[in-house]
Amino acid sequence: MRLLRLDVSLSLIALAAATAACASAGATYRSGVAPKSFEKPPFYAGATVTPGQVRVAHLPIRYQRGAEQGAQFEPKDGEGSAADLLVAEMNRYLDSLAVSSRVRPRTAEVGTRPDVHFGCNVDVTGDCTEEGEVQGGGANRRLQLSVGRPSEEWIGWLGNTIDSASTDHALLITLELGQYWPHQKGIGLSKEVRLGSGYSVSIPWLTSLEKPVAVVQLTGALVARDGRAVRIGAEGLMAKRSNIALSALGAQRLVSDEDIEGIRSLRRDDLPGHPLVWQVALRSLVSELTGRQ
């Protein structure tokens, strides 16, 4: 099992360059929500939605393998995998919230859907572009939230799909990986990763501040019938810690299938009742995107 990801991969460079050259969908121009940068959570952008303002249906949550880097560097996505089991639990929980109705598409999804990106700015290899010493004010340690424009084919599919559910907006949520910057915590040696709304996790003090850490996260978008996003956001679930020796080698510890399995039972000990981390994150994401509790 591969545990480390090194900085340079010529095959990924070639693949990413080819993809960027031919893609028309995915650009943030006219996507509905302008890109926004953050130093700390909450990580949301776009219009604030008033409860009852829109009729919302949700598409099933899915795992997007290879969202930030080559799929070979990320946990498996097949039937019965840890990611598959976690997503199934998330979908059942999302249905139980009764905030939106679940859409069961009559036809297979086509085209390119809006892709929400959150994390550090990355190059074609998936590496953060602002590694190195922290600049004054931490200007090179901000995280970027954006959403890509969907294809016309997908917009047509969405319209037909939500019309059948008598709704005018769709909620899209994705389980994926990202890269977040670690931060100094207070004036001591402690360090942390700020994962989401009211949620940070401590990391070993030897963790380098010059390299990002891999994070498992939920990203989401509320999308209107015309395919434009109304509001987007992200909530982190867990951070994969890398020690300073690995960072110095230009390597990053990879999120494993075992890590995804661990998220299924990971709890928030800082909250009453010790709820599951992923349930708190999903509930926060849905509430922020739809305006509904």
Protein backbone atom coordinates (compact mmCIF):
# COMPACT_ATOMS: atom_id res chain seq x y z
CA MET A 1 0.00 0.00 0.00
CA ARG A 2 1.41 3.38 -1.03
CA LEU A 3 1.81 5.70 1.97
CA LEU A 4 3.57 8.74 0.54
CA ARG A 5 3.02 11.05 -2.40
CA LEU A 6 6.10 12.71 -3.91
CA ASP A 7 5.97 16.13 -5.54
CA VAL A 8 6.72 15.36 -9.17
CA SER A 9 4.75 13.09 -11.49
CA LEU A 10 5.27 13.67 -15.22
CA SER A 11 2.31 11.52 -16.15
CA LEU A 12 0.00 13.63 -14.00
CA ILE A 13 1.44 16.83 -15.49
CA ALA A 14 0.71 15.62 -19.00
CA LEU A 15 -2.77 14.42 -18.11
CA ALA A 16 -3.74 17.61 -16.31
CA ALA A 17 -2.37 19.80 -19.09
CA ALA A 18 -4.33 17.89 -21.72
CA THR A 19 -7.49 18.09 -19.66
CA ALA A 20 -7.12 21.83 -19.10
CA ALA A 21 -6.52 22.44 -22.77
CA CYS A 22 -9.73 20.79 -23.97
CA ALA A 23 -12.18 21.53 -21.17
CA SER A 24 -14.83 24.24 -21.65
CA ALA A 25 -16.95 23.41 -18.62
CA GLY A 26 -15.39 23.77 -15.17
CA ALA A 27 -14.27 27.40 -15.49
CA THR A 28 -15.46 29.61 -12.64
CA TYR A 29 -16.61 32.39 -15.03
CA ARG A 30 -20.41 32.70 -14.91
CA SER A 31 -20.60 29.77 -12.50
CA GLY A 32 -22.94 31.76 -10.24
CA VAL A 33 -20.60 32.30 -7.27
CA ALA A 34 -17.29 34.15 -7.44
CA PRO A 35 -14.20 32.46 -5.94
CA LYS A 36 -13.44 33.45 -2.36
CA SER A 37 -10.43 32.97 -0.11
CA PHE A 38 -10.40 32.17 3.61
CA GLU A 39 -7.98 32.21 6.50
CA LYS A 40 -10.38 30.48 8.88
CA PRO A 41 -13.86 28.93 8.84
CA PRO A 42 -16.75 29.04 8.20
CA PHE A 43 -16.03 28.29 4.53
CA TYR A 44 -19.05 29.52 2.56
CA ALA A 45 -19.66 31.89 -0.35
CA GLY A 46 -22.59 33.15 -2.38
CA ALA A 47 -26.05 34.40 -1.50
CA THR A 48 -27.53 33.72 1.90
CA VAL A 49 -30.67 31.64 1.39
CA THR A 50 -33.77 32.54 3.40
CA PRO A 51 -35.78 29.54 4.68
CA GLY A 52 -38.70 28.89 2.34
CA GLN A 53 -37.19 31.09 -0.39
CA VAL A 54 -36.43 28.16 -2.69
CA ARG A 55 -37.72 24.64 -3.21
CA VAL A 56 -34.83 22.23 -2.78
CA ALA A 57 -34.23 18.65 -3.84
CA HIS A 58 -30.98 16.81 -3.27
CA LEU A 59 -29.08 14.48 -5.52
CA PRO A 60 -27.40 11.52 -3.82
CA ILE A 61 -24.09 12.31 -2.14
CA ARG A 62 -21.19 10.80 -4.04
CA TYR A 63 -17.48 10.25 -3.52
CA GLN A 64 -15.30 12.07 -6.04
CA ARG A 65 -12.08 10.15 -6.29
CA GLY A 66 -9.22 12.12 -7.81
CA ALA A 67 -10.70 15.54 -7.04
CA GLU A 68 -7.31 17.02 -6.09
CA GLN A 69 -4.73 14.59 -7.45
CA GLY A 70 -4.40 11.34 -9.35
CA ALA A 71 -7.01 8.77 -8.32
CA GLN A 72 -4.21 6.28 -7.62
CA PHE A 73 -3.22 8.44 -4.66
CA GLU A 74 -6.69 8.39 -3.07
CA PRO A 75 -8.88 5.78 -1.30
CA LYS A 76 -10.81 3.24 -3.36
CA ASP A 77 -14.30 4.00 -4.62
CA GLY A 78 -15.66 0.59 -5.60
CA GLU A 79 -18.71 -1.18 -4.23
CA GLY A 80 -18.14 -2.26 -0.64
CA SER A 81 -15.17 0.09 -0.17
CA ALA A 82 -14.91 2.23 2.95
CA ALA A 83 -15.85 5.32 0.90
CA ASP A 84 -18.87 3.53 -0.56
CA LEU A 85 -20.09 2.51 2.90
CA LEU A 86 -19.54 6.01 4.33
CA VAL A 87 -21.43 7.66 1.46
CA ALA A 88 -24.32 5.23 1.90
CA GLU A 89 -24.57 6.19 5.57
CA MET A 90 -24.43 9.86 4.65
CA ASN A 91 -27.23 9.50 2.13
CA ARG A 92 -29.47 7.80 4.66
CA TYR A 93 -28.75 10.58 7.15
CA LEU A 94 -29.37 13.31 4.58
CA ASP A 95 -32.74 11.75 3.77
CA SER A 96 -33.60 11.64 7.48
CA LEU A 97 -32.98 15.37 7.92
CA ALA A 98 -36.08 16.05 5.78
CA VAL A 99 -34.67 19.43 4.76
CA SER A 100 -34.93 18.59 1.06
CA SER A 101 -36.55 15.88 -0.98
CA ARG A 102 -34.35 13.26 -2.58
CA VAL A 103 -34.41 13.17 -6.36
CA ARG A 104 -34.23 9.79 -8.03
CA PRO A 105 -33.20 10.61 -11.62
CA ARG A 106 -35.15 8.88 -14.38
CA THR A 107 -32.14 8.95 -16.69
CA ALA A 108 -28.41 8.59 -16.14
CA GLU A 109 -26.54 11.79 -15.33
CA VAL A 110 -24.78 13.26 -18.36
CA GLY A 111 -22.27 16.03 -18.92
CA THR A 112 -20.11 17.84 -16.38
CA ARG A 113 -21.73 18.86 -13.10
CA PRO A 114 -20.64 21.94 -11.08
CA ASP A 115 -17.44 21.01 -9.28
CA VAL A 116 -16.82 22.73 -5.95
CA HIS A 117 -13.14 23.10 -5.12
CA PHE A 118 -11.84 23.95 -1.67
CA GLY A 119 -8.29 23.94 -0.40
CA CYS A 120 -4.97 25.49 -1.30
CA ASN A 121 -4.29 26.73 -4.82
CA VAL A 122 -2.83 23.81 -6.77
CA ASP A 123 -0.78 23.36 -9.94
CA VAL A 124 -1.28 20.72 -12.64
CA THR A 125 0.36 18.04 -10.48
CA GLY A 126 -2.01 18.69 -7.56
CA ASP A 127 0.66 20.38 -5.43
CA CYS A 128 -0.04 23.59 -3.52
CA THR A 129 1.50 26.58 -5.28
CA GLU A 130 2.34 28.57 -2.14
CA GLU A 131 4.51 26.17 -0.19
CA GLY A 132 7.45 27.55 1.75
CA GLU A 133 7.78 30.14 4.47
CA VAL A 134 4.67 31.88 5.74
CA GLN A 135 4.54 35.40 4.32
CA GLY A 136 3.67 38.44 6.40
CA GLY A 137 0.05 38.28 7.47
CA GLY A 138 -0.25 34.73 6.13
CA ALA A 139 -1.30 35.93 2.67
CA ASN A 140 0.03 32.69 1.16
CA ARG A 141 -1.84 30.50 3.63
CA ARG A 142 -5.40 31.22 2.59
CA LEU A 143 -7.72 28.51 1.27
CA GLN A 144 -9.68 29.00 -1.93
CA LEU A 145 -13.36 28.16 -2.44
CA SER A 146 -14.75 28.09 -5.98
CA VAL A 147 -17.19 26.26 -8.21
CA GLY A 148 -16.83 25.31 -11.86
CA ARG A 149 -19.47 26.03 -14.47
CA PRO A 150 -21.41 22.91 -15.55
CA SER A 151 -21.77 21.81 -19.15
CA GLU A 152 -24.88 22.65 -21.17
CA GLU A 153 -25.63 18.94 -21.39
CA TRP A 154 -25.69 18.64 -17.61
CA ILE A 155 -27.85 21.76 -17.22
CA GLY A 156 -30.44 20.20 -19.54
CA TRP A 157 -30.32 16.97 -17.56
CA LEU A 158 -30.71 18.84 -14.26
CA GLY A 159 -33.76 20.75 -15.52
CA ASN A 160 -35.56 17.57 -16.51
CA THR A 161 -34.57 15.88 -13.28
CA ILE A 162 -35.75 18.52 -10.81
CA ASP A 163 -38.87 19.32 -12.84
CA SER A 164 -40.00 15.78 -12.09
CA ALA A 165 -39.59 16.56 -8.37
CA SER A 166 -41.46 19.90 -8.63
CA THR A 167 -38.45 21.83 -7.30
CA ASP A 168 -36.34 24.67 -8.68
CA HIS A 169 -32.99 24.13 -6.90
CA ALA A 170 -30.75 21.11 -6.41
CA LEU A 171 -28.41 20.38 -3.53
CA LEU A 172 -25.17 18.67 -4.58
CA ILE A 173 -22.81 17.28 -1.93
CA THR A 174 -19.54 15.47 -2.52
CA LEU A 175 -17.12 13.54 -0.33
CA GLU A 176 -13.61 14.25 -1.54
CA LEU A 177 -10.04 15.04 -0.55
CA GLY A 178 -8.44 18.46 -0.28
CA GLN A 179 -5.29 20.09 1.07
CA TYR A 180 -5.44 22.55 3.98
CA TRP A 181 -2.70 24.64 5.56
CA PRO A 182 -1.73 23.96 9.19
CA HIS A 183 -1.57 26.96 11.52
CA GLN A 184 0.22 27.93 14.69
CA LYS A 185 -2.16 27.68 17.63
CA GLY A 186 -1.75 30.60 20.01
CA ILE A 187 1.74 31.69 21.06
CA GLY A 188 3.07 28.27 22.07
CA LEU A 189 4.32 25.35 20.01
CA SER A 190 0.86 23.87 19.39
CA LYS A 191 -0.43 23.62 15.84
CA GLU A 192 -3.84 22.94 14.34
CA VAL A 193 -5.79 22.45 11.15
CA ARG A 194 -8.99 24.47 10.88
CA LEU A 195 -11.44 22.02 9.36
CA GLY A 196 -14.80 23.75 9.44
CA SER A 197 -17.52 25.53 11.38
CA GLY A 198 -16.38 25.51 15.01
CA TYR A 199 -14.06 22.59 14.36
CA SER A 200 -10.27 22.45 14.48
CA VAL A 201 -7.97 19.51 15.22
CA SER A 202 -4.58 19.62 16.90
CA ILE A 203 -1.56 18.25 15.05
CA PRO A 204 1.93 17.35 16.35
CA TRP A 205 4.14 20.37 17.01
CA LEU A 206 6.80 18.96 14.67
CA THR A 207 4.40 19.24 11.72
CA SER A 208 5.83 21.63 9.15
CA LEU A 209 3.90 24.84 8.51
CA GLU A 210 5.46 25.03 5.04
CA LYS A 211 3.54 22.06 3.64
CA PRO A 212 -0.20 21.37 3.49
CA VAL A 213 -1.91 18.36 5.01
CA ALA A 214 -4.37 16.07 3.25
CA VAL A 215 -7.95 16.49 4.43
CA VAL A 216 -11.13 14.49 3.90
CA GLN A 217 -13.97 16.93 3.37
CA LEU A 218 -17.53 17.49 2.25
CA THR A 219 -18.11 20.13 -0.41
CA GLY A 220 -21.52 21.28 -1.55
CA ALA A 221 -23.46 23.62 -3.79
CA LEU A 222 -27.03 24.81 -4.05
CA VAL A 223 -27.66 25.03 -7.80
CA ALA A 224 -30.52 26.76 -9.60
CA ARG A 225 -32.34 25.26 -12.58
CA ASP A 226 -30.15 27.21 -15.00
CA GLY A 227 -27.07 25.44 -13.64
CA ARG A 228 -25.68 28.43 -11.77
CA ALA A 229 -24.63 27.97 -8.17
CA VAL A 230 -26.41 30.08 -5.57
CA ARG A 231 -24.27 29.17 -2.56
CA ILE A 232 -21.25 26.91 -2.05
CA GLY A 233 -19.31 25.65 0.94
CA ALA A 234 -17.08 23.04 2.56
CA GLU A 235 -16.69 21.25 5.89
CA GLY A 236 -13.58 19.21 6.74
CA LEU A 237 -13.88 15.83 8.48
CA MET A 238 -10.33 14.78 9.29
CA ALA A 239 -6.72 15.79 8.62
CA LYS A 240 -3.97 13.32 7.77
CA ARG A 241 -0.95 14.33 9.79
CA SER A 242 2.52 14.39 8.18
CA ASN A 243 5.63 14.77 10.32
CA ILE A 244 8.33 17.33 9.60
CA ALA A 245 10.77 14.73 8.25
CA LEU A 246 8.36 13.69 5.51
CA SER A 247 7.57 17.32 4.69
CA ALA A 248 11.27 18.05 4.28
CA LEU A 249 11.47 15.28 1.67
CA GLY A 250 8.63 16.84 -0.32
CA ALA A 251 6.30 14.01 0.64
CA GLN A 252 2.82 13.91 2.10
CA ARG A 253 1.13 11.09 3.96
CA LEU A 254 -1.80 9.84 1.95
CA VAL A 255 -5.34 9.33 3.18
CA SER A 256 -5.96 5.58 3.23
CA ASP A 257 -8.99 3.32 3.10
CA GLU A 258 -8.44 2.75 6.82
CA ASP A 259 -8.71 6.50 7.42
CA ILE A 260 -12.06 6.62 5.60
CA GLU A 261 -13.23 3.65 7.63
CA GLY A 262 -12.20 5.49 10.79
CA ILE A 263 -14.31 8.52 9.85
CA ARG A 264 -17.42 6.35 10.03
CA SER A 265 -17.05 6.18 13.83
CA LEU A 266 -15.05 9.37 14.52
CA ARG A 267 -16.79 11.56 17.12
CA ARG A 268 -16.77 15.18 18.25
CA ASP A 269 -15.72 14.93 21.88
CA ASP A 270 -16.06 18.71 22.20
CA LEU A 271 -19.84 18.59 21.68
CA PRO A 272 -22.61 17.33 23.99
CA GLY A 273 -23.47 13.72 23.30
CA HIS A 274 -20.27 13.20 21.28
CA PRO A 275 -21.99 13.13 17.85
CA LEU A 276 -20.33 11.66 14.79
CA VAL A 277 -17.99 14.09 13.06
CA TRP A 278 -19.48 13.47 9.62
CA GLN A 279 -23.04 13.96 10.85
CA VAL A 280 -22.21 17.34 12.40
CA ALA A 281 -20.39 18.43 9.23
CA LEU A 282 -23.17 17.27 6.92
CA ARG A 283 -25.85 18.92 9.01
CA SER A 284 -23.90 22.19 9.05
CA LEU A 285 -23.32 22.07 5.31
CA VAL A 286 -26.97 21.42 4.50
CA SER A 287 -28.14 24.15 6.86
CA GLU A 288 -25.73 26.75 5.46
CA LEU A 289 -26.53 25.95 1.83
CA THR A 290 -30.31 25.76 2.12
CA GLY A 291 -30.97 28.20 4.97
CA ARG A 292 -32.96 25.51 6.76
CA GLN A 293 -32.33 23.89 10.13
